Amino acid sequence: MRRFLKGLGLFLVVAAPAWGVAAMAIVFMTRGAPASAEAFGAMLDRMFDSIIPTIVAGGGLWLLASIDERLERKA
């Protein structure tokens, strides 16, 4: 179970930024580049609002599984 949680956490940490880059590329290809720096900033804000919690959740899963594994080794 620990190995699964660590793998899931690592996947979330790696996949979230990759998804964000892919989503931004799709937006650029379908709608074109944003007309202003403000529009680009707003798009980045929306993207980071969904990516950051995913990265934090993945890191938390990985960290908790690692701590549990080390505690079991000591006992």
PDB file of N, CA and C in Angstrom:
ATOM      1  N   MET A   1       0.822  -1.189   0.000  1.00  0.00           N
ATOM      2  CA  MET A   1       0.000   0.000   0.000  1.00  0.00           C
ATOM      3  C   MET A   1       0.872   1.261   0.000  1.00  0.00           C
ATOM      4  N   ARG A   2       1.974   1.205   0.796  1.00  0.00           N
ATOM      5  CA  ARG A   2       2.872   2.361   0.834  1.00  0.00           C
ATOM      6  C   ARG A   2       3.480   2.635  -0.529  1.00  0.00           C
ATOM      7  N   ARG A   3       3.872   1.590  -1.198  1.00  0.00           N
ATOM      8  CA  ARG A   3       4.486   1.751  -2.519  1.00  0.00           C
ATOM      9  C   ARG A   3       3.492   2.401  -3.487  1.00  0.00           C
ATOM     10  N   PHE A   4       2.231   1.997  -3.402  1.00  0.00           N
ATOM     11  CA  PHE A   4       1.193   2.591  -4.248  1.00  0.00           C
ATOM     12  C   PHE A   4       1.023   4.073  -3.923  1.00  0.00           C
ATOM     13  N   LEU A   5       0.960   4.423  -2.627  1.00  0.00           N
ATOM     14  CA  LEU A   5       0.785   5.826  -2.245  1.00  0.00           C
ATOM     15  C   LEU A   5       1.976   6.674  -2.659  1.00  0.00           C
ATOM     16  N   LYS A   6       3.183   6.129  -2.511  1.00  0.00           N
ATOM     17  CA  LYS A   6       4.358   6.877  -2.938  1.00  0.00           C
ATOM     18  C   LYS A   6       4.348   7.065  -4.460  1.00  0.00           C
ATOM     19  N   GLY A   7       3.970   6.032  -5.177  1.00  0.00           N
ATOM     20  CA  GLY A   7       3.890   6.137  -6.637  1.00  0.00           C
ATOM     21  C   GLY A   7       2.823   7.127  -7.073  1.00  0.00           C
ATOM     22  N   LEU A   8       1.680   7.093  -6.407  1.00  0.00           N
ATOM     23  CA  LEU A   8       0.604   8.032  -6.736  1.00  0.00           C
ATOM     24  C   LEU A   8       1.030   9.460  -6.436  1.00  0.00           C
ATOM     25  N   GLY A   9       1.681   9.659  -5.304  1.00  0.00           N
ATOM     26  CA  GLY A   9       2.162  10.993  -4.960  1.00  0.00           C
ATOM     27  C   GLY A   9       3.167  11.512  -5.970  1.00  0.00           C
ATOM     28  N   LEU A  10       4.109  10.666  -6.358  1.00  0.00           N
ATOM     29  CA  LEU A  10       5.104  11.071  -7.350  1.00  0.00           C
ATOM     30  C   LEU A  10       4.447  11.363  -8.692  1.00  0.00           C
ATOM     31  N   PHE A  11       3.474  10.542  -9.067  1.00  0.00           N
ATOM     32  CA  PHE A  11       2.754  10.785 -10.317  1.00  0.00           C
ATOM     33  C   PHE A  11       2.053  12.138 -10.300  1.00  0.00           C
ATOM     34  N   LEU A  12       1.398  12.467  -9.195  1.00  0.00           N
ATOM     35  CA  LEU A  12       0.696  13.746  -9.100  1.00  0.00           C
ATOM     36  C   LEU A  12       1.667  14.917  -9.169  1.00  0.00           C
ATOM     37  N   VAL A  13       2.806  14.784  -8.521  1.00  0.00           N
ATOM     38  CA  VAL A  13       3.798  15.864  -8.532  1.00  0.00           C
ATOM     39  C   VAL A  13       4.349  16.083  -9.933  1.00  0.00           C
ATOM     40  N   VAL A  14       4.551  15.013 -10.676  1.00  0.00           N
ATOM     41  CA  VAL A  14       5.118  15.126 -12.024  1.00  0.00           C
ATOM     42  C   VAL A  14       4.046  15.453 -13.060  1.00  0.00           C
ATOM     43  N   ALA A  15       2.884  14.851 -12.928  1.00  0.00           N
ATOM     44  CA  ALA A  15       1.853  15.003 -13.955  1.00  0.00           C
ATOM     45  C   ALA A  15       1.171  16.368 -13.937  1.00  0.00           C
ATOM     46  N   ALA A  16       1.062  16.989 -12.779  1.00  0.00           N
ATOM     47  CA  ALA A  16       0.355  18.268 -12.697  1.00  0.00           C
ATOM     48  C   ALA A  16       1.023  19.364 -13.538  1.00  0.00           C
ATOM     49  N   PRO A  17       2.341  19.578 -13.417  1.00  0.00           N
ATOM     50  CA  PRO A  17       2.955  20.597 -14.281  1.00  0.00           C
ATOM     51  C   PRO A  17       2.891  20.222 -15.760  1.00  0.00           C
ATOM     52  N   ALA A  18       3.045  18.934 -16.063  1.00  0.00           N
ATOM     53  CA  ALA A  18       2.965  18.509 -17.459  1.00  0.00           C
ATOM     54  C   ALA A  18       1.573  18.778 -18.026  1.00  0.00           C
ATOM     55  N   TRP A  19       0.541  18.529 -17.208  1.00  0.00           N
ATOM     56  CA  TRP A  19      -0.821  18.816 -17.642  1.00  0.00           C
ATOM     57  C   TRP A  19      -1.003  20.316 -17.878  1.00  0.00           C
ATOM     58  N   GLY A  20      -0.446  21.129 -17.002  1.00  0.00           N
ATOM     59  CA  GLY A  20      -0.567  22.577 -17.158  1.00  0.00           C
ATOM     60  C   GLY A  20       0.082  23.078 -18.434  1.00  0.00           C
ATOM     61  N   VAL A  21       1.256  22.572 -18.733  1.00  0.00           N
ATOM     62  CA  VAL A  21       1.949  22.974 -19.964  1.00  0.00           C
ATOM     63  C   VAL A  21       1.154  22.513 -21.182  1.00  0.00           C
ATOM     64  N   ALA A  22       0.637  21.294 -21.141  1.00  0.00           N
ATOM     65  CA  ALA A  22      -0.157  20.787 -22.262  1.00  0.00           C
ATOM     66  C   ALA A  22      -1.433  21.604 -22.441  1.00  0.00           C
ATOM     67  N   ALA A  23      -2.085  21.953 -21.338  1.00  0.00           N
ATOM     68  CA  ALA A  23      -3.317  22.752 -21.422  1.00  0.00           C
ATOM     69  C   ALA A  23      -3.025  24.130 -22.000  1.00  0.00           C
ATOM     70  N   MET A  24      -1.910  24.730 -21.599  1.00  0.00           N
ATOM     71  CA  MET A  24      -1.555  26.043 -22.128  1.00  0.00           C
ATOM     72  C   MET A  24      -1.249  25.953 -23.625  1.00  0.00           C
ATOM     73  N   ALA A  25      -0.566  24.898 -24.033  1.00  0.00           N
ATOM     74  CA  ALA A  25      -0.274  24.722 -25.452  1.00  0.00           C
ATOM     75  C   ALA A  25      -1.554  24.553 -26.263  1.00  0.00           C
ATOM     76  N   ILE A  26      -2.517  23.806 -25.729  1.00  0.00           N
ATOM     77  CA  ILE A  26      -3.790  23.615 -26.427  1.00  0.00           C
ATOM     78  C   ILE A  26      -4.527  24.943 -26.560  1.00  0.00           C
ATOM     79  N   VAL A  27      -4.525  25.738 -25.491  1.00  0.00           N
ATOM     80  CA  VAL A  27      -5.188  27.047 -25.553  1.00  0.00           C
ATOM     81  C   VAL A  27      -4.522  27.929 -26.597  1.00  0.00           C
ATOM     82  N   PHE A  28      -3.196  27.942 -26.635  1.00  0.00           N
ATOM     83  CA  PHE A  28      -2.489  28.765 -27.614  1.00  0.00           C
ATOM     84  C   PHE A  28      -2.789  28.311 -29.038  1.00  0.00           C
ATOM     85  N   MET A  29      -2.885  26.993 -29.239  1.00  0.00           N
ATOM     86  CA  MET A  29      -3.140  26.484 -30.590  1.00  0.00           C
ATOM     87  C   MET A  29      -4.568  26.758 -31.042  1.00  0.00           C
ATOM     88  N   THR A  30      -5.521  26.688 -30.129  1.00  0.00           N
ATOM     89  CA  THR A  30      -6.913  26.844 -30.537  1.00  0.00           C
ATOM     90  C   THR A  30      -7.383  28.299 -30.542  1.00  0.00           C
ATOM     91  N   ARG A  31      -6.918  29.093 -29.583  1.00  0.00           N
ATOM     92  CA  ARG A  31      -7.392  30.476 -29.474  1.00  0.00           C
ATOM     93  C   ARG A  31      -6.350  31.499 -29.859  1.00  0.00           C
ATOM     94  N   GLY A  32      -5.119  31.098 -29.980  1.00  0.00           N
ATOM     95  CA  GLY A  32      -4.046  32.046 -30.233  1.00  0.00           C
ATOM     96  C   GLY A  32      -3.513  32.587 -28.911  1.00  0.00           C
ATOM     97  N   ALA A  33      -2.418  33.307 -29.001  1.00  0.00           N
ATOM     98  CA  ALA A  33      -1.805  33.873 -27.806  1.00  0.00           C
ATOM     99  C   ALA A  33      -2.707  34.959 -27.224  1.00  0.00           C
ATOM    100  N   PRO A  34      -2.679  35.142 -25.903  1.00  0.00           N
ATOM    101  CA  PRO A  34      -3.481  36.209 -25.297  1.00  0.00           C
ATOM    102  C   PRO A  34      -3.087  37.574 -25.856  1.00  0.00           C
ATOM    103  N   ALA A  35      -4.050  38.455 -25.973  1.00  0.00           N
ATOM    104  CA  ALA A  35      -3.822  39.763 -26.595  1.00  0.00           C
ATOM    105  C   ALA A  35      -3.005  40.689 -25.711  1.00  0.00           C
ATOM    106  N   SER A  36      -3.052  40.501 -24.408  1.00  0.00           N
ATOM    107  CA  SER A  36      -2.326  41.406 -23.527  1.00  0.00           C
ATOM    108  C   SER A  36      -1.638  40.613 -22.426  1.00  0.00           C
ATOM    109  N   ALA A  37      -0.733  41.300 -21.757  1.00  0.00           N
ATOM    110  CA  ALA A  37      -0.039  40.673 -20.635  1.00  0.00           C
ATOM    111  C   ALA A  37      -1.012  40.365 -19.504  1.00  0.00           C
ATOM    112  N   GLU A  38      -2.026  41.193 -19.335  1.00  0.00           N
ATOM    113  CA  GLU A  38      -3.023  40.950 -18.279  1.00  0.00           C
ATOM    114  C   GLU A  38      -3.810  39.680 -18.555  1.00  0.00           C
ATOM    115  N   ALA A  39      -4.182  39.462 -19.808  1.00  0.00           N
ATOM    116  CA  ALA A  39      -4.922  38.242 -20.162  1.00  0.00           C
ATOM    117  C   ALA A  39      -4.041  37.010 -19.958  1.00  0.00           C
ATOM    118  N   PHE A  40      -2.766  37.129 -20.297  1.00  0.00           N
ATOM    119  CA  PHE A  40      -1.839  36.013 -20.093  1.00  0.00           C
ATOM    120  C   PHE A  40      -1.673  35.736 -18.600  1.00  0.00           C
ATOM    121  N   GLY A  41      -1.558  36.778 -17.794  1.00  0.00           N
ATOM    122  CA  GLY A  41      -1.442  36.622 -16.350  1.00  0.00           C
ATOM    123  C   GLY A  41      -2.678  35.972 -15.748  1.00  0.00           C
ATOM    124  N   ALA A  42      -3.841  36.364 -16.238  1.00  0.00           N
ATOM    125  CA  ALA A  42      -5.082  35.770 -15.738  1.00  0.00           C
ATOM    126  C   ALA A  42      -5.140  34.281 -16.078  1.00  0.00           C
ATOM    127  N   MET A  43      -4.669  33.915 -17.276  1.00  0.00           N
ATOM    128  CA  MET A  43      -4.660  32.513 -17.666  1.00  0.00           C
ATOM    129  C   MET A  43      -3.690  31.718 -16.785  1.00  0.00           C
ATOM    130  N   LEU A  44      -2.520  32.292 -16.506  1.00  0.00           N
ATOM    131  CA  LEU A  44      -1.561  31.612 -15.623  1.00  0.00           C
ATOM    132  C   LEU A  44      -2.121  31.457 -14.209  1.00  0.00           C
ATOM    133  N   ASP A  45      -2.809  32.478 -13.721  1.00  0.00           N
ATOM    134  CA  ASP A  45      -3.419  32.390 -12.393  1.00  0.00           C
ATOM    135  C   ASP A  45      -4.415  31.248 -12.311  1.00  0.00           C
ATOM    136  N   ARG A  46      -5.263  31.118 -13.319  1.00  0.00           N
ATOM    137  CA  ARG A  46      -6.249  30.025 -13.324  1.00  0.00           C
ATOM    138  C   ARG A  46      -5.555  28.675 -13.373  1.00  0.00           C
ATOM    139  N   MET A  47      -4.483  28.592 -14.171  1.00  0.00           N
ATOM    140  CA  MET A  47      -3.769  27.330 -14.298  1.00  0.00           C
ATOM    141  C   MET A  47      -3.106  26.959 -12.966  1.00  0.00           C
ATOM    142  N   PHE A  48      -2.433  27.915 -12.330  1.00  0.00           N
ATOM    143  CA  PHE A  48      -1.747  27.621 -11.075  1.00  0.00           C
ATOM    144  C   PHE A  48      -2.721  27.323  -9.946  1.00  0.00           C
ATOM    145  N   ASP A  49      -3.918  27.880 -10.005  1.00  0.00           N
ATOM    146  CA  ASP A  49      -4.917  27.597  -8.980  1.00  0.00           C
ATOM    147  C   ASP A  49      -5.305  26.120  -8.962  1.00  0.00           C
ATOM    148  N   SER A  50      -5.196  25.449 -10.082  1.00  0.00           N
ATOM    149  CA  SER A  50      -5.520  24.022 -10.104  1.00  0.00           C
ATOM    150  C   SER A  50      -4.285  23.143  -9.974  1.00  0.00           C
ATOM    151  N   ILE A  51      -3.126  23.634 -10.372  1.00  0.00           N
ATOM    152  CA  ILE A  51      -1.920  22.803 -10.335  1.00  0.00           C
ATOM    153  C   ILE A  51      -1.311  22.745  -8.942  1.00  0.00           C
ATOM    154  N   ILE A  52      -1.231  23.868  -8.261  1.00  0.00           N
ATOM    155  CA  ILE A  52      -0.552  23.915  -6.966  1.00  0.00           C
ATOM    156  C   ILE A  52      -1.195  22.964  -5.941  1.00  0.00           C
ATOM    157  N   PRO A  53      -2.523  22.939  -5.782  1.00  0.00           N
ATOM    158  CA  PRO A  53      -3.091  21.971  -4.821  1.00  0.00           C
ATOM    159  C   PRO A  53      -2.796  20.519  -5.194  1.00  0.00           C
ATOM    160  N   THR A  54      -2.746  20.224  -6.482  1.00  0.00           N
ATOM    161  CA  THR A  54      -2.442  18.862  -6.917  1.00  0.00           C
ATOM    162  C   THR A  54      -1.015  18.486  -6.550  1.00  0.00           C
ATOM    163  N   ILE A  55      -0.065  19.404  -6.760  1.00  0.00           N
ATOM    164  CA  ILE A  55       1.325  19.143  -6.409  1.00  0.00           C
ATOM    165  C   ILE A  55       1.460  18.971  -4.896  1.00  0.00           C
ATOM    166  N   VAL A  56       0.790  19.823  -4.129  1.00  0.00           N
ATOM    167  CA  VAL A  56       0.861  19.730  -2.668  1.00  0.00           C
ATOM    168  C   VAL A  56       0.259  18.409  -2.188  1.00  0.00           C
ATOM    169  N   ALA A  57      -0.852  17.992  -2.750  1.00  0.00           N
ATOM    170  CA  ALA A  57      -1.473  16.721  -2.352  1.00  0.00           C
ATOM    171  C   ALA A  57      -0.563  15.546  -2.692  1.00  0.00           C
ATOM    172  N   GLY A  58       0.034  15.569  -3.872  1.00  0.00           N
ATOM    173  CA  GLY A  58       0.952  14.491  -4.252  1.00  0.00           C
ATOM    174  C   GLY A  58       2.171  14.444  -3.357  1.00  0.00           C
ATOM    175  N   GLY A  59       2.736  15.598  -3.055  1.00  0.00           N
ATOM    176  CA  GLY A  59       3.882  15.643  -2.154  1.00  0.00           C
ATOM    177  C   GLY A  59       3.523  15.174  -0.756  1.00  0.00           C
ATOM    178  N   GLY A  60       2.330  15.537  -0.304  1.00  0.00           N
ATOM    179  CA  GLY A  60       1.877  15.090   1.014  1.00  0.00           C
ATOM    180  C   GLY A  60       1.711  13.581   1.075  1.00  0.00           C
ATOM    181  N   LEU A  61       1.125  12.994   0.037  1.00  0.00           N
ATOM    182  CA  LEU A  61       0.982  11.530  -0.002  1.00  0.00           C
ATOM    183  C   LEU A  61       2.341  10.851   0.050  1.00  0.00           C
ATOM    184  N   TRP A  62       3.254  11.334  -0.764  1.00  0.00           N
ATOM    185  CA  TRP A  62       4.587  10.737  -0.811  1.00  0.00           C
ATOM    186  C   TRP A  62       5.284  10.882   0.537  1.00  0.00           C
ATOM    187  N   LEU A  63       5.197  12.060   1.142  1.00  0.00           N
ATOM    188  CA  LEU A  63       5.844  12.305   2.429  1.00  0.00           C
ATOM    189  C   LEU A  63       5.266  11.427   3.532  1.00  0.00           C
ATOM    190  N   LEU A  64       3.945  11.330   3.615  1.00  0.00           N
ATOM    191  CA  LEU A  64       3.332  10.495   4.651  1.00  0.00           C
ATOM    192  C   LEU A  64       3.696   9.022   4.490  1.00  0.00           C
ATOM    193  N   ALA A  65       3.706   8.534   3.254  1.00  0.00           N
ATOM    194  CA  ALA A  65       4.087   7.142   3.015  1.00  0.00           C
ATOM    195  C   ALA A  65       5.549   6.914   3.380  1.00  0.00           C
ATOM    196  N   SER A  66       6.408   7.876   3.097  1.00  0.00           N
ATOM    197  CA  SER A  66       7.826   7.740   3.438  1.00  0.00           C
ATOM    198  C   SER A  66       8.036   7.752   4.942  1.00  0.00           C
ATOM    199  N   ILE A  67       7.343   8.625   5.648  1.00  0.00           N
ATOM    200  CA  ILE A  67       7.460   8.680   7.108  1.00  0.00           C
ATOM    201  C   ILE A  67       6.978   7.367   7.720  1.00  0.00           C
ATOM    202  N   ASP A  68       5.856   6.840   7.237  1.00  0.00           N
ATOM    203  CA  ASP A  68       5.327   5.581   7.753  1.00  0.00           C
ATOM    204  C   ASP A  68       6.326   4.447   7.524  1.00  0.00           C
ATOM    205  N   GLU A  69       6.950   4.446   6.352  1.00  0.00           N
ATOM    206  CA  GLU A  69       7.926   3.404   6.036  1.00  0.00           C
ATOM    207  C   GLU A  69       9.137   3.482   6.972  1.00  0.00           C
ATOM    208  N   ARG A  70       9.613   4.673   7.236  1.00  0.00           N
ATOM    209  CA  ARG A  70      10.777   4.824   8.122  1.00  0.00           C
ATOM    210  C   ARG A  70      10.435   4.480   9.569  1.00  0.00           C
ATOM    211  N   LEU A  71       9.248   4.851  10.008  1.00  0.00           N
ATOM    212  CA  LEU A  71       8.834   4.498  11.364  1.00  0.00           C
ATOM    213  C   LEU A  71       8.722   2.987  11.528  1.00  0.00           C
ATOM    214  N   GLU A  72       8.255   2.297  10.496  1.00  0.00           N
ATOM    215  CA  GLU A  72       8.138   0.849  10.579  1.00  0.00           C
ATOM    216  C   GLU A  72       9.523   0.188  10.619  1.00  0.00           C
ATOM    217  N   ARG A  73      10.483   0.759   9.915  1.00  0.00           N
ATOM    218  CA  ARG A  73      11.835   0.206   9.936  1.00  0.00           C
ATOM    219  C   ARG A  73      12.463   0.318  11.327  1.00  0.00           C
ATOM    220  N   LYS A  74      12.198   1.448  12.016  1.00  0.00           N
ATOM    221  CA  LYS A  74      12.760   1.643  13.346  1.00  0.00           C
ATOM    222  C   LYS A  74      12.148   0.716  14.388  1.00  0.00           C
ATOM    223  N   ALA A  75      10.885   0.390  14.218  1.00  0.00           N
ATOM    224  CA  ALA A  75      10.179  -0.435  15.213  1.00  0.00           C
ATOM    225  C   ALA A  75      10.527  -1.900  15.110  1.00  0.00           C
TER     226      ALA A  75
END
